[in-house]
Amino acid sequence: MMNINLVDLPTELFHSILDRLDAMTIIYALRPVCKRTYSMIKSYNRFQLNFSSFSWSDRLLIARQIPFENVSSIVVSDSDIFTDFGIYPFFENFDIRRFSRLKSLSFTFSERSSELRSQAFQSNTLINKIIQPPM
């Protein structure tokens, strides 16, 4: 049996492995291993970001480390969207139009946000926030 190092894998196979890892692991555990992993991760364009599992400081770090065009999926929770003040923190900090390869934008809601959610969708304020045209 032959042993093959992770860095010796073809880029496509390495990217398939990355598909099964979270963004924090990819950026902070694998990318700094060597120049080859850094290069293969730099070309990886299928990042799936679940912002509900990141702290706000981690979100900002991830946003600086991953080019927007390399993100294919985003999951946003109700706490990212709704606050007691009616502000939409996720959309205030991330311009959704910059995610040019985005294939999926998912929202997860808890029971506590059901009233806010219905108000936002009924008044179209959330949808306007997502697809607001550039000024």
C-alpha atoms as a PDB file:
ATOM      1  CA  MET A   1       0.000   0.000   0.000  1.00  0.00           C
ATOM      2  CA  MET A   2       1.243   3.442  -0.906  1.00  0.00           C
ATOM      3  CA  ASN A   3       1.045   6.422   1.469  1.00  0.00           C
ATOM      4  CA  ILE A   4       0.076   9.759  -0.031  1.00  0.00           C
ATOM      5  CA  ASN A   5       0.372  13.074   1.789  1.00  0.00           C
ATOM      6  CA  LEU A   6      -2.578  15.427   1.870  1.00  0.00           C
ATOM      7  CA  VAL A   7      -0.567  18.104   0.053  1.00  0.00           C
ATOM      8  CA  ASP A   8       0.232  15.670  -2.768  1.00  0.00           C
ATOM      9  CA  LEU A   9      -3.412  15.154  -3.669  1.00  0.00           C
ATOM     10  CA  PRO A  10      -4.758  16.764  -6.838  1.00  0.00           C
ATOM     11  CA  THR A  11      -6.430  20.103  -6.139  1.00  0.00           C
ATOM     12  CA  GLU A  12      -9.894  18.792  -7.111  1.00  0.00           C
ATOM     13  CA  LEU A  13      -9.674  15.966  -4.584  1.00  0.00           C
ATOM     14  CA  PHE A  14      -8.335  18.321  -1.912  1.00  0.00           C
ATOM     15  CA  HIS A  15     -11.300  20.638  -2.592  1.00  0.00           C
ATOM     16  CA  SER A  16     -13.685  17.679  -2.160  1.00  0.00           C
ATOM     17  CA  ILE A  17     -12.212  17.131   1.296  1.00  0.00           C
ATOM     18  CA  LEU A  18     -12.633  20.839   2.079  1.00  0.00           C
ATOM     19  CA  ASP A  19     -16.338  20.537   1.170  1.00  0.00           C
ATOM     20  CA  ARG A  20     -16.770  18.490   4.354  1.00  0.00           C
ATOM     21  CA  LEU A  21     -15.021  20.954   6.690  1.00  0.00           C
ATOM     22  CA  ASP A  22     -16.179  24.199   8.268  1.00  0.00           C
ATOM     23  CA  ALA A  23     -14.653  27.531   7.247  1.00  0.00           C
ATOM     24  CA  MET A  24     -12.837  28.076  10.560  1.00  0.00           C
ATOM     25  CA  THR A  25     -11.027  24.729  10.255  1.00  0.00           C
ATOM     26  CA  ILE A  26     -10.081  25.418   6.653  1.00  0.00           C
ATOM     27  CA  ILE A  27      -8.768  28.927   7.315  1.00  0.00           C
ATOM     28  CA  TYR A  28      -7.099  28.495  10.688  1.00  0.00           C
ATOM     29  CA  ALA A  29      -6.014  24.834  10.777  1.00  0.00           C
ATOM     30  CA  LEU A  30      -5.271  23.843   7.171  1.00  0.00           C
ATOM     31  CA  ARG A  31      -4.323  27.018   5.338  1.00  0.00           C
ATOM     32  CA  PRO A  32      -1.192  27.783   7.389  1.00  0.00           C
ATOM     33  CA  VAL A  33       0.241  24.251   7.001  1.00  0.00           C
ATOM     34  CA  CYS A  34       2.378  25.037   3.954  1.00  0.00           C
ATOM     35  CA  LYS A  35       2.463  27.044   0.735  1.00  0.00           C
ATOM     36  CA  ARG A  36       0.719  24.258  -1.201  1.00  0.00           C
ATOM     37  CA  THR A  37      -2.289  24.078   1.153  1.00  0.00           C
ATOM     38  CA  TYR A  38      -2.434  27.885   1.221  1.00  0.00           C
ATOM     39  CA  SER A  39      -2.514  27.934  -2.574  1.00  0.00           C
ATOM     40  CA  MET A  40      -5.144  25.186  -2.859  1.00  0.00           C
ATOM     41  CA  ILE A  41      -7.362  26.888  -0.273  1.00  0.00           C
ATOM     42  CA  LYS A  42      -6.938  30.247  -1.995  1.00  0.00           C
ATOM     43  CA  SER A  43      -8.424  28.707  -5.152  1.00  0.00           C
ATOM     44  CA  TYR A  44     -11.260  26.972  -3.248  1.00  0.00           C
ATOM     45  CA  ASN A  45     -14.522  28.664  -4.268  1.00  0.00           C
ATOM     46  CA  ARG A  46     -17.152  26.607  -2.440  1.00  0.00           C
ATOM     47  CA  PHE A  47     -17.016  27.998   1.096  1.00  0.00           C
ATOM     48  CA  GLN A  48     -20.213  27.372   3.037  1.00  0.00           C
ATOM     49  CA  LEU A  49     -20.552  29.861   5.867  1.00  0.00           C
ATOM     50  CA  ASN A  50     -22.900  29.163   8.753  1.00  0.00           C
ATOM     51  CA  PHE A  51     -22.814  32.521  10.516  1.00  0.00           C
ATOM     52  CA  SER A  52     -25.035  31.262  13.308  1.00  0.00           C
ATOM     53  CA  SER A  53     -22.097  29.166  14.556  1.00  0.00           C
ATOM     54  CA  PHE A  54     -19.603  32.084  14.573  1.00  0.00           C
ATOM     55  CA  SER A  55     -19.134  34.840  17.105  1.00  0.00           C
ATOM     56  CA  TRP A  56     -19.212  38.388  15.704  1.00  0.00           C
ATOM     57  CA  SER A  57     -15.418  38.667  15.973  1.00  0.00           C
ATOM     58  CA  ASP A  58     -15.016  35.348  14.105  1.00  0.00           C
ATOM     59  CA  ARG A  59     -17.397  36.571  11.412  1.00  0.00           C
ATOM     60  CA  LEU A  60     -15.323  39.666  10.810  1.00  0.00           C
ATOM     61  CA  LEU A  61     -12.114  37.614  10.725  1.00  0.00           C
ATOM     62  CA  ILE A  62     -13.644  35.159   8.267  1.00  0.00           C
ATOM     63  CA  ALA A  63     -14.857  38.051   6.107  1.00  0.00           C
ATOM     64  CA  ARG A  64     -11.288  39.342   5.900  1.00  0.00           C
ATOM     65  CA  GLN A  65      -9.807  35.912   5.166  1.00  0.00           C
ATOM     66  CA  ILE A  66     -12.232  34.552   2.556  1.00  0.00           C
ATOM     67  CA  PRO A  67     -12.809  36.478  -0.665  1.00  0.00           C
ATOM     68  CA  PHE A  68     -16.529  37.127  -1.141  1.00  0.00           C
ATOM     69  CA  GLU A  69     -16.459  35.504  -4.585  1.00  0.00           C
ATOM     70  CA  ASN A  70     -15.332  32.195  -2.993  1.00  0.00           C
ATOM     71  CA  VAL A  71     -18.501  31.799  -0.912  1.00  0.00           C
ATOM     72  CA  SER A  72     -21.229  29.566  -2.329  1.00  0.00           C
ATOM     73  CA  SER A  73     -23.569  29.270   0.653  1.00  0.00           C
ATOM     74  CA  ILE A  74     -24.513  31.339   3.710  1.00  0.00           C
ATOM     75  CA  VAL A  75     -26.724  30.400   6.644  1.00  0.00           C
ATOM     76  CA  VAL A  76     -27.947  33.315   8.734  1.00  0.00           C
ATOM     77  CA  SER A  77     -29.849  32.934  11.995  1.00  0.00           C
ATOM     78  CA  ASP A  78     -32.560  35.130  13.426  1.00  0.00           C
ATOM     79  CA  SER A  79     -30.099  36.742  15.841  1.00  0.00           C
ATOM     80  CA  ASP A  80     -28.065  37.882  12.830  1.00  0.00           C
ATOM     81  CA  ILE A  81     -31.104  39.556  11.322  1.00  0.00           C
ATOM     82  CA  PHE A  82     -33.394  40.695  14.117  1.00  0.00           C
ATOM     83  CA  THR A  83     -32.502  42.762  17.129  1.00  0.00           C
ATOM     84  CA  ASP A  84     -34.657  44.550  19.677  1.00  0.00           C
ATOM     85  CA  PHE A  85     -33.939  47.737  17.759  1.00  0.00           C
ATOM     86  CA  GLY A  86     -35.035  46.419  14.384  1.00  0.00           C
ATOM     87  CA  ILE A  87     -31.510  46.606  12.959  1.00  0.00           C
ATOM     88  CA  TYR A  88     -30.222  43.922  10.605  1.00  0.00           C
ATOM     89  CA  PRO A  89     -26.607  43.431  11.777  1.00  0.00           C
ATOM     90  CA  PHE A  90     -25.644  40.841   9.169  1.00  0.00           C
ATOM     91  CA  PHE A  91     -26.749  42.997   6.270  1.00  0.00           C
ATOM     92  CA  GLU A  92     -25.222  46.099   7.847  1.00  0.00           C
ATOM     93  CA  ASN A  93     -21.797  44.409   7.941  1.00  0.00           C
ATOM     94  CA  PHE A  94     -21.893  42.305   4.767  1.00  0.00           C
ATOM     95  CA  ASP A  95     -23.011  43.603   1.389  1.00  0.00           C
ATOM     96  CA  ILE A  96     -24.793  40.564  -0.033  1.00  0.00           C
ATOM     97  CA  ARG A  97     -24.176  41.787  -3.608  1.00  0.00           C
ATOM     98  CA  ARG A  98     -20.435  41.161  -3.178  1.00  0.00           C
ATOM     99  CA  PHE A  99     -21.009  37.388  -2.936  1.00  0.00           C
ATOM    100  CA  SER A 100     -20.962  36.873  -6.708  1.00  0.00           C
ATOM    101  CA  ARG A 101     -20.904  33.032  -6.587  1.00  0.00           C
ATOM    102  CA  LEU A 102     -23.554  32.728  -3.880  1.00  0.00           C
ATOM    103  CA  LYS A 103     -25.915  29.864  -4.694  1.00  0.00           C
ATOM    104  CA  SER A 104     -27.741  29.587  -1.383  1.00  0.00           C
ATOM    105  CA  LEU A 105     -28.791  32.079   1.288  1.00  0.00           C
ATOM    106  CA  SER A 106     -30.644  30.334   4.119  1.00  0.00           C
ATOM    107  CA  PHE A 107     -32.357  31.739   7.173  1.00  0.00           C
ATOM    108  CA  THR A 108     -32.896  29.821  10.393  1.00  0.00           C
ATOM    109  CA  PHE A 109     -35.467  31.152  12.825  1.00  0.00           C
ATOM    110  CA  SER A 110     -36.246  30.334  16.418  1.00  0.00           C
ATOM    111  CA  GLU A 111     -39.684  30.533  17.974  1.00  0.00           C
ATOM    112  CA  ARG A 112     -38.800  33.745  19.793  1.00  0.00           C
ATOM    113  CA  SER A 113     -38.381  35.618  16.537  1.00  0.00           C
ATOM    114  CA  SER A 114     -41.638  34.555  14.919  1.00  0.00           C
ATOM    115  CA  GLU A 115     -43.339  37.908  15.489  1.00  0.00           C
ATOM    116  CA  LEU A 116     -40.364  39.902  14.203  1.00  0.00           C
ATOM    117  CA  ARG A 117     -40.018  37.541  11.253  1.00  0.00           C
ATOM    118  CA  SER A 118     -43.630  37.919  10.207  1.00  0.00           C
ATOM    119  CA  GLN A 119     -43.417  41.713  10.540  1.00  0.00           C
ATOM    120  CA  ALA A 120     -40.243  41.855   8.440  1.00  0.00           C
ATOM    121  CA  PHE A 121     -41.600  39.647   5.671  1.00  0.00           C
ATOM    122  CA  GLN A 122     -45.023  41.314   5.640  1.00  0.00           C
ATOM    123  CA  SER A 123     -43.534  44.766   5.309  1.00  0.00           C
ATOM    124  CA  ASN A 124     -40.816  43.582   2.899  1.00  0.00           C
ATOM    125  CA  THR A 125     -38.171  45.349   4.978  1.00  0.00           C
ATOM    126  CA  LEU A 126     -36.011  42.218   5.147  1.00  0.00           C
ATOM    127  CA  ILE A 127     -36.313  41.536   1.436  1.00  0.00           C
ATOM    128  CA  ASN A 128     -35.549  45.160   0.608  1.00  0.00           C
ATOM    129  CA  LYS A 129     -32.478  44.948   2.820  1.00  0.00           C
ATOM    130  CA  ILE A 130     -31.252  41.872   0.937  1.00  0.00           C
ATOM    131  CA  ILE A 131     -31.848  43.079  -2.609  1.00  0.00           C
ATOM    132  CA  GLN A 132     -31.579  46.814  -2.176  1.00  0.00           C
ATOM    133  CA  PRO A 133     -30.126  48.302  -5.386  1.00  0.00           C
ATOM    134  CA  PRO A 134     -26.766  50.100  -5.194  1.00  0.00           C
ATOM    135  CA  MET A 135     -26.929  53.801  -4.523  1.00  0.00           C
END
